[in-house]
Amino acid sequence: SLVRFATGESEELKPFPETVNERFEEWIEDQEMLGHKFTADQMEWLEMIKSHIATSLSIDMDDLELAPFYERGGPLKAYKLFGQNLISIMNELNEALAG
């Protein structure tokens, strides 16, 4: 956030978690416009992924072995919820939220 502000890419200096939250809401809206509806369980996981990105700048499969993901079933549960789309969703969120 500071670099973007200093280089003029951003007119306002905002805390990174706030930026991530705004971008996440936009991403969810975009997904809904594309016809992708998420279940309550999927939304819970997407929120956890968002929170992880807000504090760690990115997420990858290894991170699903950590709390809070592991406590909710880890990578296996994530695959059950998102199927083959898990990796692409994580990549999209990395780019959309932290990019």
PDB file of N, CA and C in Angstrom:
ATOM      1  N   SER A   1       0.828  -1.189   0.000  1.00  0.00           N
ATOM      2  CA  SER A   1       0.000   0.000   0.000  1.00  0.00           C
ATOM      3  C   SER A   1       0.868   1.245   0.000  1.00  0.00           C
ATOM      4  N   LEU A   2       1.903   1.220   0.803  1.00  0.00           N
ATOM      5  CA  LEU A   2       2.783   2.378   0.902  1.00  0.00           C
ATOM      6  C   LEU A   2       3.516   2.622  -0.416  1.00  0.00           C
ATOM      7  N   VAL A   3       3.994   1.561  -1.042  1.00  0.00           N
ATOM      8  CA  VAL A   3       4.706   1.696  -2.317  1.00  0.00           C
ATOM      9  C   VAL A   3       3.770   2.240  -3.393  1.00  0.00           C
ATOM     10  N   ARG A   4       2.569   1.720  -3.474  1.00  0.00           N
ATOM     11  CA  ARG A   4       1.607   2.204  -4.464  1.00  0.00           C
ATOM     12  C   ARG A   4       1.271   3.670  -4.240  1.00  0.00           C
ATOM     13  N   PHE A   5       1.152   4.055  -3.005  1.00  0.00           N
ATOM     14  CA  PHE A   5       0.875   5.460  -2.683  1.00  0.00           C
ATOM     15  C   PHE A   5       2.069   6.335  -3.064  1.00  0.00           C
ATOM     16  N   ALA A   6       3.263   5.884  -2.709  1.00  0.00           N
ATOM     17  CA  ALA A   6       4.474   6.664  -2.972  1.00  0.00           C
ATOM     18  C   ALA A   6       4.761   6.801  -4.469  1.00  0.00           C
ATOM     19  N   THR A   7       4.411   5.773  -5.241  1.00  0.00           N
ATOM     20  CA  THR A   7       4.665   5.833  -6.685  1.00  0.00           C
ATOM     21  C   THR A   7       3.519   6.474  -7.456  1.00  0.00           C
ATOM     22  N   GLY A   8       2.462   6.839  -6.764  1.00  0.00           N
ATOM     23  CA  GLY A   8       1.341   7.499  -7.415  1.00  0.00           C
ATOM     24  C   GLY A   8       0.306   6.562  -8.006  1.00  0.00           C
ATOM     25  N   GLU A   9       0.472   5.259  -7.810  1.00  0.00           N
ATOM     26  CA  GLU A   9      -0.512   4.303  -8.309  1.00  0.00           C
ATOM     27  C   GLU A   9      -1.819   4.381  -7.539  1.00  0.00           C
ATOM     28  N   SER A  10      -1.739   4.847  -6.312  1.00  0.00           N
ATOM     29  CA  SER A  10      -2.914   4.993  -5.465  1.00  0.00           C
ATOM     30  C   SER A  10      -2.942   6.413  -4.923  1.00  0.00           C
ATOM     31  N   GLU A  11      -4.123   7.015  -4.941  1.00  0.00           N
ATOM     32  CA  GLU A  11      -4.266   8.379  -4.439  1.00  0.00           C
ATOM     33  C   GLU A  11      -4.449   8.419  -2.926  1.00  0.00           C
ATOM     34  N   GLU A  12      -4.778   7.284  -2.345  1.00  0.00           N
ATOM     35  CA  GLU A  12      -5.089   7.225  -0.917  1.00  0.00           C
ATOM     36  C   GLU A  12      -4.290   6.109  -0.259  1.00  0.00           C
ATOM     37  N   LEU A  13      -3.730   6.399   0.887  1.00  0.00           N
ATOM     38  CA  LEU A  13      -3.006   5.392   1.655  1.00  0.00           C
ATOM     39  C   LEU A  13      -3.982   4.725   2.620  1.00  0.00           C
ATOM     40  N   LYS A  14      -4.282   3.443   2.334  1.00  0.00           N
ATOM     41  CA  LYS A  14      -5.224   2.688   3.166  1.00  0.00           C
ATOM     42  C   LYS A  14      -4.512   1.479   3.743  1.00  0.00           C
ATOM     43  N   PRO A  15      -4.947   1.013   4.909  1.00  0.00           N
ATOM     44  CA  PRO A  15      -4.394  -0.238   5.439  1.00  0.00           C
ATOM     45  C   PRO A  15      -4.661  -1.385   4.458  1.00  0.00           C
ATOM     46  N   PHE A  16      -3.668  -2.244   4.301  1.00  0.00           N
ATOM     47  CA  PHE A  16      -3.782  -3.343   3.349  1.00  0.00           C
ATOM     48  C   PHE A  16      -5.010  -4.223   3.606  1.00  0.00           C
ATOM     49  N   PRO A  17      -5.320  -4.597   4.855  1.00  0.00           N
ATOM     50  CA  PRO A  17      -6.515  -5.421   5.074  1.00  0.00           C
ATOM     51  C   PRO A  17      -7.797  -4.766   4.553  1.00  0.00           C
ATOM     52  N   GLU A  18      -7.879  -3.450   4.653  1.00  0.00           N
ATOM     53  CA  GLU A  18      -9.056  -2.748   4.136  1.00  0.00           C
ATOM     54  C   GLU A  18      -9.135  -2.877   2.608  1.00  0.00           C
ATOM     55  N   THR A  19      -7.999  -2.732   1.958  1.00  0.00           N
ATOM     56  CA  THR A  19      -7.942  -2.898   0.501  1.00  0.00           C
ATOM     57  C   THR A  19      -8.341  -4.313   0.105  1.00  0.00           C
ATOM     58  N   VAL A  20      -7.830  -5.296   0.847  1.00  0.00           N
ATOM     59  CA  VAL A  20      -8.160  -6.701   0.564  1.00  0.00           C
ATOM     60  C   VAL A  20      -9.657  -6.927   0.715  1.00  0.00           C
ATOM     61  N   ASN A  21     -10.263  -6.391   1.762  1.00  0.00           N
ATOM     62  CA  ASN A  21     -11.708  -6.553   1.968  1.00  0.00           C
ATOM     63  C   ASN A  21     -12.499  -5.974   0.803  1.00  0.00           C
ATOM     64  N   GLU A  22     -12.131  -4.788   0.344  1.00  0.00           N
ATOM     65  CA  GLU A  22     -12.828  -4.164  -0.780  1.00  0.00           C
ATOM     66  C   GLU A  22     -12.676  -4.991  -2.050  1.00  0.00           C
ATOM     67  N   ARG A  23     -11.463  -5.444  -2.310  1.00  0.00           N
ATOM     68  CA  ARG A  23     -11.210  -6.251  -3.507  1.00  0.00           C
ATOM     69  C   ARG A  23     -11.941  -7.589  -3.438  1.00  0.00           C
ATOM     70  N   PHE A  24     -12.029  -8.154  -2.234  1.00  0.00           N
ATOM     71  CA  PHE A  24     -12.740  -9.420  -2.059  1.00  0.00           C
ATOM     72  C   PHE A  24     -14.218  -9.249  -2.392  1.00  0.00           C
ATOM     73  N   GLU A  25     -14.829  -8.182  -1.899  1.00  0.00           N
ATOM     74  CA  GLU A  25     -16.239  -7.927  -2.199  1.00  0.00           C
ATOM     75  C   GLU A  25     -16.450  -7.773  -3.704  1.00  0.00           C
ATOM     76  N   GLU A  26     -15.538  -7.087  -4.369  1.00  0.00           N
ATOM     77  CA  GLU A  26     -15.624  -6.931  -5.827  1.00  0.00           C
ATOM     78  C   GLU A  26     -15.499  -8.282  -6.519  1.00  0.00           C
ATOM     79  N   TRP A  27     -14.562  -9.114  -6.035  1.00  0.00           N
ATOM     80  CA  TRP A  27     -14.361 -10.432  -6.637  1.00  0.00           C
ATOM     81  C   TRP A  27     -15.613 -11.293  -6.477  1.00  0.00           C
ATOM     82  N   ILE A  28     -16.204 -11.275  -5.294  1.00  0.00           N
ATOM     83  CA  ILE A  28     -17.432 -12.042  -5.055  1.00  0.00           C
ATOM     84  C   ILE A  28     -18.536 -11.559  -5.992  1.00  0.00           C
ATOM     85  N   GLU A  29     -18.702 -10.251  -6.114  1.00  0.00           N
ATOM     86  CA  GLU A  29     -19.723  -9.698  -7.022  1.00  0.00           C
ATOM     87  C   GLU A  29     -19.471 -10.129  -8.460  1.00  0.00           C
ATOM     88  N   ASP A  30     -18.206 -10.087  -8.881  1.00  0.00           N
ATOM     89  CA  ASP A  30     -17.863 -10.527 -10.240  1.00  0.00           C
ATOM     90  C   ASP A  30     -18.214 -12.000 -10.440  1.00  0.00           C
ATOM     91  N   GLN A  31     -17.929 -12.824  -9.436  1.00  0.00           N
ATOM     92  CA  GLN A  31     -18.234 -14.250  -9.534  1.00  0.00           C
ATOM     93  C   GLN A  31     -19.736 -14.477  -9.644  1.00  0.00           C
ATOM     94  N   GLU A  32     -20.501 -13.721  -8.870  1.00  0.00           N
ATOM     95  CA  GLU A  32     -21.958 -13.860  -8.923  1.00  0.00           C
ATOM     96  C   GLU A  32     -22.502 -13.427 -10.284  1.00  0.00           C
ATOM     97  N   MET A  33     -21.923 -12.376 -10.861  1.00  0.00           N
ATOM     98  CA  MET A  33     -22.357 -11.934 -12.192  1.00  0.00           C
ATOM     99  C   MET A  33     -22.033 -12.983 -13.254  1.00  0.00           C
ATOM    100  N   LEU A  34     -20.988 -13.771 -13.006  1.00  0.00           N
ATOM    101  CA  LEU A  34     -20.623 -14.845 -13.922  1.00  0.00           C
ATOM    102  C   LEU A  34     -21.449 -16.107 -13.683  1.00  0.00           C
ATOM    103  N   GLY A  35     -22.322 -16.049 -12.677  1.00  0.00           N
ATOM    104  CA  GLY A  35     -23.193 -17.184 -12.389  1.00  0.00           C
ATOM    105  C   GLY A  35     -22.654 -18.153 -11.361  1.00  0.00           C
ATOM    106  N   HIS A  36     -21.542 -17.809 -10.713  1.00  0.00           N
ATOM    107  CA  HIS A  36     -20.966 -18.682  -9.692  1.00  0.00           C
ATOM    108  C   HIS A  36     -21.580 -18.337  -8.338  1.00  0.00           C
ATOM    109  N   LYS A  37     -22.277 -19.289  -7.779  1.00  0.00           N
ATOM    110  CA  LYS A  37     -22.877 -19.127  -6.449  1.00  0.00           C
ATOM    111  C   LYS A  37     -22.098 -20.001  -5.471  1.00  0.00           C
ATOM    112  N   PHE A  38     -21.741 -19.429  -4.355  1.00  0.00           N
ATOM    113  CA  PHE A  38     -20.988 -20.167  -3.351  1.00  0.00           C
ATOM    114  C   PHE A  38     -21.913 -20.564  -2.208  1.00  0.00           C
ATOM    115  N   THR A  39     -21.694 -21.774  -1.686  1.00  0.00           N
ATOM    116  CA  THR A  39     -22.447 -22.238  -0.529  1.00  0.00           C
ATOM    117  C   THR A  39     -21.935 -21.515   0.714  1.00  0.00           C
ATOM    118  N   ALA A  40     -22.653 -21.675   1.813  1.00  0.00           N
ATOM    119  CA  ALA A  40     -22.230 -21.068   3.080  1.00  0.00           C
ATOM    120  C   ALA A  40     -20.866 -21.613   3.505  1.00  0.00           C
ATOM    121  N   ASP A  41     -20.653 -22.926   3.328  1.00  0.00           N
ATOM    122  CA  ASP A  41     -19.360 -23.518   3.680  1.00  0.00           C
ATOM    123  C   ASP A  41     -18.246 -22.960   2.807  1.00  0.00           C
ATOM    124  N   GLN A  42     -18.516 -22.823   1.517  1.00  0.00           N
ATOM    125  CA  GLN A  42     -17.514 -22.259   0.625  1.00  0.00           C
ATOM    126  C   GLN A  42     -17.204 -20.809   0.997  1.00  0.00           C
ATOM    127  N   MET A  43     -18.228 -20.042   1.334  1.00  0.00           N
ATOM    128  CA  MET A  43     -18.012 -18.649   1.726  1.00  0.00           C
ATOM    129  C   MET A  43     -17.160 -18.561   2.994  1.00  0.00           C
ATOM    130  N   GLU A  44     -17.390 -19.482   3.926  1.00  0.00           N
ATOM    131  CA  GLU A  44     -16.575 -19.501   5.143  1.00  0.00           C
ATOM    132  C   GLU A  44     -15.098 -19.685   4.777  1.00  0.00           C
ATOM    133  N   TRP A  45     -14.834 -20.612   3.865  1.00  0.00           N
ATOM    134  CA  TRP A  45     -13.460 -20.856   3.438  1.00  0.00           C
ATOM    135  C   TRP A  45     -12.901 -19.675   2.644  1.00  0.00           C
ATOM    136  N   LEU A  46     -13.700 -19.088   1.797  1.00  0.00           N
ATOM    137  CA  LEU A  46     -13.241 -17.923   1.041  1.00  0.00           C
ATOM    138  C   LEU A  46     -12.894 -16.772   1.980  1.00  0.00           C
ATOM    139  N   GLU A  47     -13.672 -16.597   3.035  1.00  0.00           N
ATOM    140  CA  GLU A  47     -13.381 -15.562   4.035  1.00  0.00           C
ATOM    141  C   GLU A  47     -12.061 -15.863   4.749  1.00  0.00           C
ATOM    142  N   MET A  48     -11.824 -17.139   5.066  1.00  0.00           N
ATOM    143  CA  MET A  48     -10.557 -17.504   5.710  1.00  0.00           C
ATOM    144  C   MET A  48      -9.384 -17.251   4.772  1.00  0.00           C
ATOM    145  N   ILE A  49      -9.564 -17.579   3.498  1.00  0.00           N
ATOM    146  CA  ILE A  49      -8.516 -17.335   2.501  1.00  0.00           C
ATOM    147  C   ILE A  49      -8.251 -15.837   2.398  1.00  0.00           C
ATOM    148  N   LYS A  50      -9.316 -15.052   2.343  1.00  0.00           N
ATOM    149  CA  LYS A  50      -9.177 -13.592   2.286  1.00  0.00           C
ATOM    150  C   LYS A  50      -8.386 -13.081   3.484  1.00  0.00           C
ATOM    151  N   SER A  51      -8.729 -13.539   4.672  1.00  0.00           N
ATOM    152  CA  SER A  51      -8.035 -13.107   5.884  1.00  0.00           C
ATOM    153  C   SER A  51      -6.564 -13.491   5.856  1.00  0.00           C
ATOM    154  N   HIS A  52      -6.285 -14.671   5.336  1.00  0.00           N
ATOM    155  CA  HIS A  52      -4.894 -15.114   5.236  1.00  0.00           C
ATOM    156  C   HIS A  52      -4.116 -14.218   4.279  1.00  0.00           C
ATOM    157  N   ILE A  53      -4.701 -13.900   3.154  1.00  0.00           N
ATOM    158  CA  ILE A  53      -4.037 -13.019   2.193  1.00  0.00           C
ATOM    159  C   ILE A  53      -3.821 -11.636   2.797  1.00  0.00           C
ATOM    160  N   ALA A  54      -4.772 -11.162   3.562  1.00  0.00           N
ATOM    161  CA  ALA A  54      -4.652  -9.836   4.178  1.00  0.00           C
ATOM    162  C   ALA A  54      -3.479  -9.753   5.152  1.00  0.00           C
ATOM    163  N   THR A  55      -3.130 -10.870   5.766  1.00  0.00           N
ATOM    164  CA  THR A  55      -2.029 -10.856   6.729  1.00  0.00           C
ATOM    165  C   THR A  55      -0.725 -11.415   6.165  1.00  0.00           C
ATOM    166  N   SER A  56      -0.804 -12.235   5.124  1.00  0.00           N
ATOM    167  CA  SER A  56       0.396 -12.904   4.597  1.00  0.00           C
ATOM    168  C   SER A  56       0.712 -12.542   3.147  1.00  0.00           C
ATOM    169  N   LEU A  57      -0.124 -11.742   2.516  1.00  0.00           N
ATOM    170  CA  LEU A  57       0.046 -11.259   1.144  1.00  0.00           C
ATOM    171  C   LEU A  57      -0.254 -12.287   0.054  1.00  0.00           C
ATOM    172  N   SER A  58      -0.345 -13.568   0.402  1.00  0.00           N
ATOM    173  CA  SER A  58      -0.692 -14.591  -0.581  1.00  0.00           C
ATOM    174  C   SER A  58      -1.087 -15.869   0.149  1.00  0.00           C
ATOM    175  N   ILE A  59      -1.570 -16.823  -0.645  1.00  0.00           N
ATOM    176  CA  ILE A  59      -1.910 -18.128  -0.082  1.00  0.00           C
ATOM    177  C   ILE A  59      -1.524 -19.191  -1.099  1.00  0.00           C
ATOM    178  N   ASP A  60      -1.074 -20.334  -0.604  1.00  0.00           N
ATOM    179  CA  ASP A  60      -0.821 -21.484  -1.471  1.00  0.00           C
ATOM    180  C   ASP A  60      -1.281 -22.749  -0.744  1.00  0.00           C
ATOM    181  N   MET A  61      -1.154 -23.865  -1.394  1.00  0.00           N
ATOM    182  CA  MET A  61      -1.669 -25.117  -0.834  1.00  0.00           C
ATOM    183  C   MET A  61      -1.047 -25.450   0.516  1.00  0.00           C
ATOM    184  N   ASP A  62       0.224 -25.154   0.702  1.00  0.00           N
ATOM    185  CA  ASP A  62       0.873 -25.442   1.984  1.00  0.00           C
ATOM    186  C   ASP A  62       0.205 -24.698   3.140  1.00  0.00           C
ATOM    187  N   ASP A  63      -0.322 -23.525   2.860  1.00  0.00           N
ATOM    188  CA  ASP A  63      -0.976 -22.738   3.906  1.00  0.00           C
ATOM    189  C   ASP A  63      -2.235 -23.420   4.438  1.00  0.00           C
ATOM    190  N   LEU A  64      -2.831 -24.297   3.650  1.00  0.00           N
ATOM    191  CA  LEU A  64      -4.042 -24.991   4.087  1.00  0.00           C
ATOM    192  C   LEU A  64      -3.750 -26.021   5.172  1.00  0.00           C
ATOM    193  N   GLU A  65      -2.463 -26.249   5.440  1.00  0.00           N
ATOM    194  CA  GLU A  65      -2.049 -27.138   6.534  1.00  0.00           C
ATOM    195  C   GLU A  65      -1.975 -26.387   7.856  1.00  0.00           C
ATOM    196  N   LEU A  66      -2.150 -25.057   7.802  1.00  0.00           N
ATOM    197  CA  LEU A  66      -2.038 -24.212   8.985  1.00  0.00           C
ATOM    198  C   LEU A  66      -3.407 -23.847   9.528  1.00  0.00           C
ATOM    199  N   ALA A  67      -3.428 -23.298  10.748  1.00  0.00           N
ATOM    200  CA  ALA A  67      -4.666 -22.772  11.315  1.00  0.00           C
ATOM    201  C   ALA A  67      -5.046 -21.524  10.525  1.00  0.00           C
ATOM    202  N   PRO A  68      -6.289 -21.252  10.322  1.00  0.00           N
ATOM    203  CA  PRO A  68      -7.476 -21.956  10.785  1.00  0.00           C
ATOM    204  C   PRO A  68      -7.935 -23.070   9.840  1.00  0.00           C
ATOM    205  N   PHE A  69      -7.237 -23.210   8.708  1.00  0.00           N
ATOM    206  CA  PHE A  69      -7.667 -24.171   7.694  1.00  0.00           C
ATOM    207  C   PHE A  69      -7.600 -25.614   8.197  1.00  0.00           C
ATOM    208  N   TYR A  70      -6.479 -25.944   8.817  1.00  0.00           N
ATOM    209  CA  TYR A  70      -6.297 -27.306   9.303  1.00  0.00           C
ATOM    210  C   TYR A  70      -7.383 -27.693  10.297  1.00  0.00           C
ATOM    211  N   GLU A  71      -7.771 -26.739  11.134  1.00  0.00           N
ATOM    212  CA  GLU A  71      -8.796 -26.999  12.139  1.00  0.00           C
ATOM    213  C   GLU A  71     -10.163 -27.276  11.519  1.00  0.00           C
ATOM    214  N   ARG A  72     -10.319 -26.899  10.263  1.00  0.00           N
ATOM    215  CA  ARG A  72     -11.600 -27.095   9.575  1.00  0.00           C
ATOM    216  C   ARG A  72     -11.489 -28.129   8.445  1.00  0.00           C
ATOM    217  N   GLY A  73     -10.458 -28.967   8.527  1.00  0.00           N
ATOM    218  CA  GLY A  73     -10.345 -30.067   7.585  1.00  0.00           C
ATOM    219  C   GLY A  73      -9.192 -29.970   6.611  1.00  0.00           C
ATOM    220  N   GLY A  74      -8.467 -28.866   6.615  1.00  0.00           N
ATOM    221  CA  GLY A  74      -7.274 -28.724   5.792  1.00  0.00           C
ATOM    222  C   GLY A  74      -7.531 -28.838   4.297  1.00  0.00           C
ATOM    223  N   PRO A  75      -6.489 -29.205   3.555  1.00  0.00           N
ATOM    224  CA  PRO A  75      -6.591 -29.280   2.096  1.00  0.00           C
ATOM    225  C   PRO A  75      -7.674 -30.248   1.610  1.00  0.00           C
ATOM    226  N   LEU A  76      -7.856 -31.342   2.321  1.00  0.00           N
ATOM    227  CA  LEU A  76      -8.860 -32.323   1.907  1.00  0.00           C
ATOM    228  C   LEU A  76     -10.256 -31.708   1.909  1.00  0.00           C
ATOM    229  N   LYS A  77     -10.587 -30.975   2.955  1.00  0.00           N
ATOM    230  CA  LYS A  77     -11.891 -30.319   3.033  1.00  0.00           C
ATOM    231  C   LYS A  77     -12.022 -29.261   1.938  1.00  0.00           C
ATOM    232  N   ALA A  78     -10.947 -28.519   1.699  1.00  0.00           N
ATOM    233  CA  ALA A  78     -10.979 -27.495   0.650  1.00  0.00           C
ATOM    234  C   ALA A  78     -11.262 -28.130  -0.707  1.00  0.00           C
ATOM    235  N   TYR A  79     -10.619 -29.266  -0.997  1.00  0.00           N
ATOM    236  CA  TYR A  79     -10.873 -29.961  -2.255  1.00  0.00           C
ATOM    237  C   TYR A  79     -12.311 -30.476  -2.332  1.00  0.00           C
ATOM    238  N   LYS A  80     -12.843 -30.925  -1.200  1.00  0.00           N
ATOM    239  CA  LYS A  80     -14.230 -31.385  -1.196  1.00  0.00           C
ATOM    240  C   LYS A  80     -15.181 -30.239  -1.507  1.00  0.00           C
ATOM    241  N   LEU A  81     -14.862 -29.046  -1.004  1.00  0.00           N
ATOM    242  CA  LEU A  81     -15.739 -27.885  -1.207  1.00  0.00           C
ATOM    243  C   LEU A  81     -15.623 -27.286  -2.606  1.00  0.00           C
ATOM    244  N   PHE A  82     -14.397 -27.210  -3.138  1.00  0.00           N
ATOM    245  CA  PHE A  82     -14.179 -26.500  -4.397  1.00  0.00           C
ATOM    246  C   PHE A  82     -13.787 -27.390  -5.562  1.00  0.00           C
ATOM    247  N   GLY A  83     -13.479 -28.648  -5.289  1.00  0.00           N
ATOM    248  CA  GLY A  83     -13.102 -29.562  -6.361  1.00  0.00           C
ATOM    249  C   GLY A  83     -11.867 -29.091  -7.110  1.00  0.00           C
ATOM    250  N   GLN A  84     -11.864 -29.365  -8.401  1.00  0.00           N
ATOM    251  CA  GLN A  84     -10.722 -29.016  -9.249  1.00  0.00           C
ATOM    252  C   GLN A  84     -10.528 -27.510  -9.381  1.00  0.00           C
ATOM    253  N   ASN A  85     -11.496 -26.729  -8.969  1.00  0.00           N
ATOM    254  CA  ASN A  85     -11.398 -25.268  -9.061  1.00  0.00           C
ATOM    255  C   ASN A  85     -10.582 -24.651  -7.932  1.00  0.00           C
ATOM    256  N   LEU A  86     -10.191 -25.430  -6.938  1.00  0.00           N
ATOM    257  CA  LEU A  86      -9.514 -24.889  -5.763  1.00  0.00           C
ATOM    258  C   LEU A  86      -8.263 -24.099  -6.138  1.00  0.00           C
ATOM    259  N   ILE A  87      -7.398 -24.682  -6.930  1.00  0.00           N
ATOM    260  CA  ILE A  87      -6.137 -24.016  -7.280  1.00  0.00           C
ATOM    261  C   ILE A  87      -6.410 -22.730  -8.055  1.00  0.00           C
ATOM    262  N   SER A  88      -7.316 -22.787  -9.013  1.00  0.00           N
ATOM    263  CA  SER A  88      -7.593 -21.581  -9.798  1.00  0.00           C
ATOM    264  C   SER A  88      -8.237 -20.498  -8.933  1.00  0.00           C
ATOM    265  N   ILE A  89      -9.091 -20.878  -7.998  1.00  0.00           N
ATOM    266  CA  ILE A  89      -9.700 -19.901  -7.091  1.00  0.00           C
ATOM    267  C   ILE A  89      -8.627 -19.248  -6.224  1.00  0.00           C
ATOM    268  N   MET A  90      -7.717 -20.057  -5.697  1.00  0.00           N
ATOM    269  CA  MET A  90      -6.650 -19.499  -4.876  1.00  0.00           C
ATOM    270  C   MET A  90      -5.771 -18.553  -5.698  1.00  0.00           C
ATOM    271  N   ASN A  91      -5.450 -18.947  -6.924  1.00  0.00           N
ATOM    272  CA  ASN A  91      -4.646 -18.086  -7.791  1.00  0.00           C
ATOM    273  C   ASN A  91      -5.370 -16.781  -8.101  1.00  0.00           C
ATOM    274  N   GLU A  92      -6.653 -16.894  -8.410  1.00  0.00           N
ATOM    275  CA  GLU A  92      -7.453 -15.698  -8.702  1.00  0.00           C
ATOM    276  C   GLU A  92      -7.478 -14.767  -7.496  1.00  0.00           C
ATOM    277  N   LEU A  93      -7.689 -15.325  -6.311  1.00  0.00           N
ATOM    278  CA  LEU A  93      -7.741 -14.502  -5.108  1.00  0.00           C
ATOM    279  C   LEU A  93      -6.385 -13.861  -4.802  1.00  0.00           C
ATOM    280  N   ASN A  94      -5.305 -14.597  -5.012  1.00  0.00           N
ATOM    281  CA  ASN A  94      -3.980 -14.000  -4.829  1.00  0.00           C
ATOM    282  C   ASN A  94      -3.823 -12.777  -5.733  1.00  0.00           C
ATOM    283  N   GLU A  95      -4.205 -12.933  -6.980  1.00  0.00           N
ATOM    284  CA  GLU A  95      -4.050 -11.843  -7.939  1.00  0.00           C
ATOM    285  C   GLU A  95      -5.033 -10.701  -7.662  1.00  0.00           C
ATOM    286  N   ALA A  96      -6.277 -11.051  -7.416  1.00  0.00           N
ATOM    287  CA  ALA A  96      -7.312 -10.018  -7.234  1.00  0.00           C
ATOM    288  C   ALA A  96      -7.150  -9.249  -5.932  1.00  0.00           C
ATOM    289  N   LEU A  97      -6.739  -9.920  -4.873  1.00  0.00           N
ATOM    290  CA  LEU A  97      -6.697  -9.270  -3.568  1.00  0.00           C
ATOM    291  C   LEU A  97      -5.355  -8.619  -3.259  1.00  0.00           C
ATOM    292  N   ALA A  98      -4.271  -9.233  -3.695  1.00  0.00           N
ATOM    293  CA  ALA A  98      -2.955  -8.700  -3.352  1.00  0.00           C
ATOM    294  C   ALA A  98      -2.229  -8.111  -4.556  1.00  0.00           C
ATOM    295  N   GLY A  99      -2.745  -8.376  -5.750  1.00  0.00           N
ATOM    296  CA  GLY A  99      -2.068  -7.945  -6.979  1.00  0.00           C
ATOM    297  C   GLY A  99      -2.058  -6.486  -7.220  1.00  0.00           C
TER     298      GLY A  99
END
